[in-house]
Protein backbone atom coordinates (compact mmCIF):
# COMPACT_ATOMS: atom_id res chain seq x y z
CA MET A 1 -65.85 -83.94 -20.11
CA LYS A 2 -68.12 -81.37 -21.51
CA LYS A 3 -67.56 -78.90 -18.94
CA ALA A 4 -63.88 -79.26 -18.89
CA LEU A 5 -63.62 -78.40 -22.46
CA LEU A 6 -65.97 -75.71 -22.29
CA PHE A 7 -63.57 -74.33 -19.52
CA VAL A 8 -60.16 -74.76 -21.48
CA PHE A 9 -61.45 -73.10 -24.66
CA ILE A 10 -63.69 -70.55 -23.53
CA LEU A 11 -63.00 -69.37 -19.88
CA ILE A 12 -59.13 -69.88 -19.82
CA PRO A 13 -58.83 -67.76 -22.97
CA LEU A 14 -60.93 -65.35 -21.36
CA LEU A 15 -58.83 -64.57 -18.23
CA THR A 16 -55.47 -63.93 -20.42
CA ILE A 17 -56.97 -61.04 -22.14
CA ALA A 18 -55.62 -58.28 -20.36
CA GLN A 19 -57.07 -54.78 -20.51
CA ASN A 20 -54.22 -51.84 -21.81
CA PHE A 21 -55.58 -49.46 -19.99
CA THR A 22 -58.62 -48.41 -16.80
CA ILE A 23 -60.49 -45.51 -15.69
CA GLN A 24 -60.55 -44.89 -12.19
CA LYS A 25 -63.90 -43.44 -12.13
CA GLU A 26 -66.17 -43.85 -15.16
CA ILE A 27 -68.93 -41.99 -14.18
CA ILE A 28 -68.97 -38.91 -12.71
CA HIS A 29 -71.43 -36.32 -11.26
CA MET A 30 -70.81 -32.34 -10.45
CA SER A 31 -72.56 -29.31 -10.00
CA GLY A 32 -72.01 -25.68 -9.61
CA ASN A 33 -73.75 -22.58 -9.73
CA THR A 34 -75.10 -20.90 -13.24
CA THR A 35 -72.53 -17.90 -12.10
CA ASP A 36 -69.60 -20.12 -12.36
CA ALA A 37 -67.46 -19.48 -15.05
CA ASP A 38 -67.00 -23.07 -15.38
CA PHE A 39 -67.10 -26.50 -12.85
CA TYR A 40 -65.41 -29.96 -13.49
CA LYS A 41 -64.26 -32.89 -11.73
CA ASN A 42 -61.14 -35.07 -12.03
CA THR A 43 -60.36 -39.14 -12.73
CA TYR A 44 -57.57 -40.87 -14.25
CA LEU A 45 -56.62 -43.04 -16.94
CA ASP A 46 -54.22 -45.66 -15.75
CA ALA A 47 -52.22 -47.14 -18.33
CA HIS A 48 -50.82 -50.59 -18.13
CA ASN A 49 -49.09 -50.89 -21.27
CA ASN A 50 -47.41 -48.37 -23.67
CA ILE A 51 -50.45 -47.31 -25.68
CA SER A 52 -51.80 -44.82 -27.79
CA VAL A 53 -55.49 -44.14 -27.58
CA ASP A 54 -58.15 -42.65 -29.59
CA TRP A 55 -61.01 -40.61 -27.97
CA ASN A 56 -64.20 -39.09 -29.22
CA ILE A 57 -67.03 -37.44 -27.68
CA ILE A 58 -69.76 -39.63 -28.67
CA THR A 59 -72.81 -38.01 -26.49
CA ASP A 60 -72.75 -34.24 -26.01
CA SER A 61 -76.59 -33.64 -24.20
CA ILE A 62 -76.25 -30.12 -22.50
CA PRO A 63 -78.51 -27.10 -22.18
CA SER A 64 -78.73 -24.66 -25.27
CA GLY A 65 -76.08 -21.72 -24.43
CA TRP A 66 -73.63 -24.34 -22.38
CA GLU A 67 -69.85 -25.15 -23.69
CA PHE A 68 -67.81 -27.85 -22.67
CA SER A 69 -63.99 -28.71 -22.86
CA ASN A 70 -62.01 -31.50 -21.83
CA CYS A 71 -58.54 -32.09 -20.47
CA PHE A 72 -57.01 -35.52 -21.07
CA PRO A 73 -54.23 -34.98 -19.98
CA ASN A 74 -53.73 -31.65 -22.14
CA CYS A 75 -56.56 -29.29 -22.00
CA TYR A 76 -58.60 -28.81 -25.22
CA ASN A 77 -60.30 -25.94 -26.36
CA ILE A 78 -64.08 -25.93 -26.14
CA GLY A 79 -65.37 -27.40 -29.54
CA ILE A 80 -62.53 -30.04 -29.81
CA THR A 81 -64.40 -33.46 -29.88
CA SER A 82 -61.44 -35.94 -30.50
CA GLY A 83 -58.18 -36.84 -30.28
CA THR A 84 -55.38 -39.15 -30.01
CA GLU A 85 -52.75 -39.08 -27.00
CA THR A 86 -50.07 -41.78 -26.18
CA PHE A 87 -49.12 -43.03 -22.68
CA THR A 88 -46.42 -44.94 -21.23
CA SER A 89 -46.97 -48.26 -19.20
CA GLY A 90 -47.71 -47.29 -15.49
CA SER A 91 -48.43 -43.87 -16.08
CA SER A 92 -51.77 -42.28 -14.33
CA ASN A 93 -53.11 -39.72 -16.83
CA TYR A 94 -55.43 -36.63 -15.78
CA LEU A 95 -59.02 -36.74 -17.26
CA ASN A 96 -61.74 -34.42 -17.14
CA CYS A 97 -64.63 -32.48 -18.61
CA HIS A 98 -65.57 -28.67 -18.20
CA PHE A 99 -68.79 -27.23 -18.08
CA TYR A 100 -69.61 -23.99 -18.75
CA PRO A 101 -72.91 -22.87 -18.09
CA HIS A 102 -72.95 -19.14 -18.99
CA SER A 103 -75.66 -18.04 -16.41
CA ILE A 104 -77.85 -21.04 -17.66
CA PRO A 105 -79.60 -23.44 -15.27
CA GLY A 106 -79.77 -27.04 -16.10
CA THR A 107 -78.31 -30.45 -16.34
CA GLY A 108 -75.88 -31.91 -18.95
CA LYS A 109 -74.27 -35.30 -20.02
CA ILE A 110 -70.97 -35.71 -22.04
CA GLN A 111 -69.74 -39.31 -22.85
CA MET A 112 -66.15 -39.86 -24.20
CA LEU A 113 -65.54 -43.21 -25.86
CA ILE A 114 -61.73 -44.13 -25.41
CA ASN A 115 -60.29 -46.83 -27.61
CA ASP A 116 -56.69 -48.26 -27.81
CA ASN A 117 -57.60 -50.26 -30.89
CA GLN A 118 -55.93 -52.92 -29.61
CA GLY A 119 -59.16 -54.26 -27.76
CA THR A 120 -59.52 -52.10 -24.99
CA ILE A 121 -62.18 -49.94 -25.31
CA ASP A 122 -63.97 -47.96 -22.49
CA THR A 123 -66.61 -44.74 -21.77
CA MET A 124 -66.29 -42.06 -19.95
CA THR A 125 -69.41 -40.01 -18.66
CA TRP A 126 -69.64 -36.76 -16.71
CA TYR A 127 -72.91 -35.73 -15.61
CA GLY A 128 -73.21 -31.82 -14.65
CA THR A 129 -75.47 -29.50 -13.02
CA ALA A 130 -75.79 -25.77 -12.92
CA MET A 131 -78.05 -24.43 -9.95
CA LEU A 132 -79.15 -21.04 -9.75
CA PRO A 133 -77.82 -19.48 -6.74
CA ALA A 134 -79.91 -18.28 -3.86
CA SER A 135 -79.60 -16.32 -0.56
CA ILE A 136 -80.36 -17.79 3.02
CA THR A 137 -82.90 -14.49 3.32
CA GLU A 138 -84.34 -15.64 0.32
CA ILE A 139 -85.27 -19.00 1.49
CA MET A 140 -86.28 -18.08 5.00
CA THR A 141 -89.05 -15.51 3.37
CA ASP A 142 -90.39 -18.32 1.32
CA LYS A 143 -90.28 -20.53 4.43
CA LYS A 144 -92.09 -17.91 6.78
CA ASN A 145 -94.51 -17.32 3.86
CA ASN A 146 -95.12 -21.03 4.25
CA ASP A 147 -94.65 -21.74 0.80
CA ILE A 148 -91.84 -24.49 1.59
CA LEU A 149 -93.15 -28.06 2.31
CA PHE A 150 -89.64 -29.35 3.16
CA MET A 151 -86.10 -28.81 2.88
CA CYS A 152 -83.18 -31.37 2.24
CA ASN A 153 -79.45 -31.35 2.23
CA ILE A 154 -77.29 -33.14 -0.49
CA ASN A 155 -77.68 -36.32 1.61
CA GLY A 156 -81.17 -36.45 1.47
CA GLN A 157 -81.55 -35.59 5.03
CA GLN A 158 -84.57 -33.09 5.68
CA ILE A 159 -82.96 -29.74 7.46
CA ASP A 160 -84.93 -26.98 9.41
CA ASN A 161 -82.07 -24.71 8.89
CA ILE A 162 -79.41 -23.74 6.25
CA GLY A 163 -75.80 -22.80 6.31
CA GLU A 164 -73.64 -21.07 3.76
CA ASN A 165 -72.32 -22.85 0.92
CA GLN A 166 -74.82 -25.73 0.86
CA ILE A 167 -76.77 -27.41 -1.67
CA VAL A 168 -80.27 -27.51 -0.76
CA PHE A 169 -83.47 -29.43 -2.11
CA ILE A 170 -86.51 -27.41 -1.32
CA ARG A 171 -90.06 -28.93 -2.29
CA TYR A 172 -92.66 -26.26 -2.44
CA LYS A 173 -96.35 -26.74 -1.30
CA ASN A 174 -97.71 -26.31 -5.11
CA GLY A 175 -95.66 -29.31 -5.75
CA THR A 176 -92.58 -27.90 -7.52
CA SER A 177 -89.12 -28.44 -6.37
CA ARG A 178 -85.73 -26.78 -6.78
CA LYS A 179 -82.19 -27.66 -6.12
CA ILE A 180 -80.20 -24.27 -5.11
CA PHE A 181 -76.88 -23.41 -3.84
CA VAL A 182 -76.82 -21.09 -0.73
CA LEU A 183 -74.18 -18.28 -1.05
CA GLU A 184 -74.38 -16.54 1.99
C-alpha cells in the first residue's frame, strides 16, 4: 500500500511536468586554426510552448586574447553575455557560439544558462580548440629526423601518411604532443 501511495504522490506528478523547450545537442566540441577569423558549430532550441527565455553566459573560460559571440537566434556582438528571446510553440531556433582565436592557440569553454522562468532550465556548453596550422613538409621533416614517435588521425587511429585539410595528433619522442591542422 505504501508503494502505491508513493507512486501516486511522487511519480505521477513528476510524469506530468513537461519541459517548455529542449536543446537538440547540449554539448558541442569544435576546432579551427589559430589563423581562422572565427569558428563555430550550431544546434537548435526546440520550443514546445510559446515561451520567453532568458539566457546568460555563466562560464567564460577562454585563452587570454580570444573573444566569443553568440547567435540565439539573432547574432549578438562580441561582449553581449545575456538576453531575452521569445519563441513560438513548435519552432526550432538557431543557437551557436563563435570563437575568435586571434592567432592564439588554445582551448576554451563557453556555457550558457537558458531559463524560461516557468521551471524549464537548461545549460548549453561549447568547447573550442584553436590549433596551429602546419604543412605536410614540416611534419614529414620531423618524421624524417626521427623526432616523431607516432601520429594519429581524429578517430585515434595510428597513421603513417597524412593528407590535406586533416587534423593530426603527433606524439614526439621527447614526451610532448601536438594537435595540428594540416593545410597543404
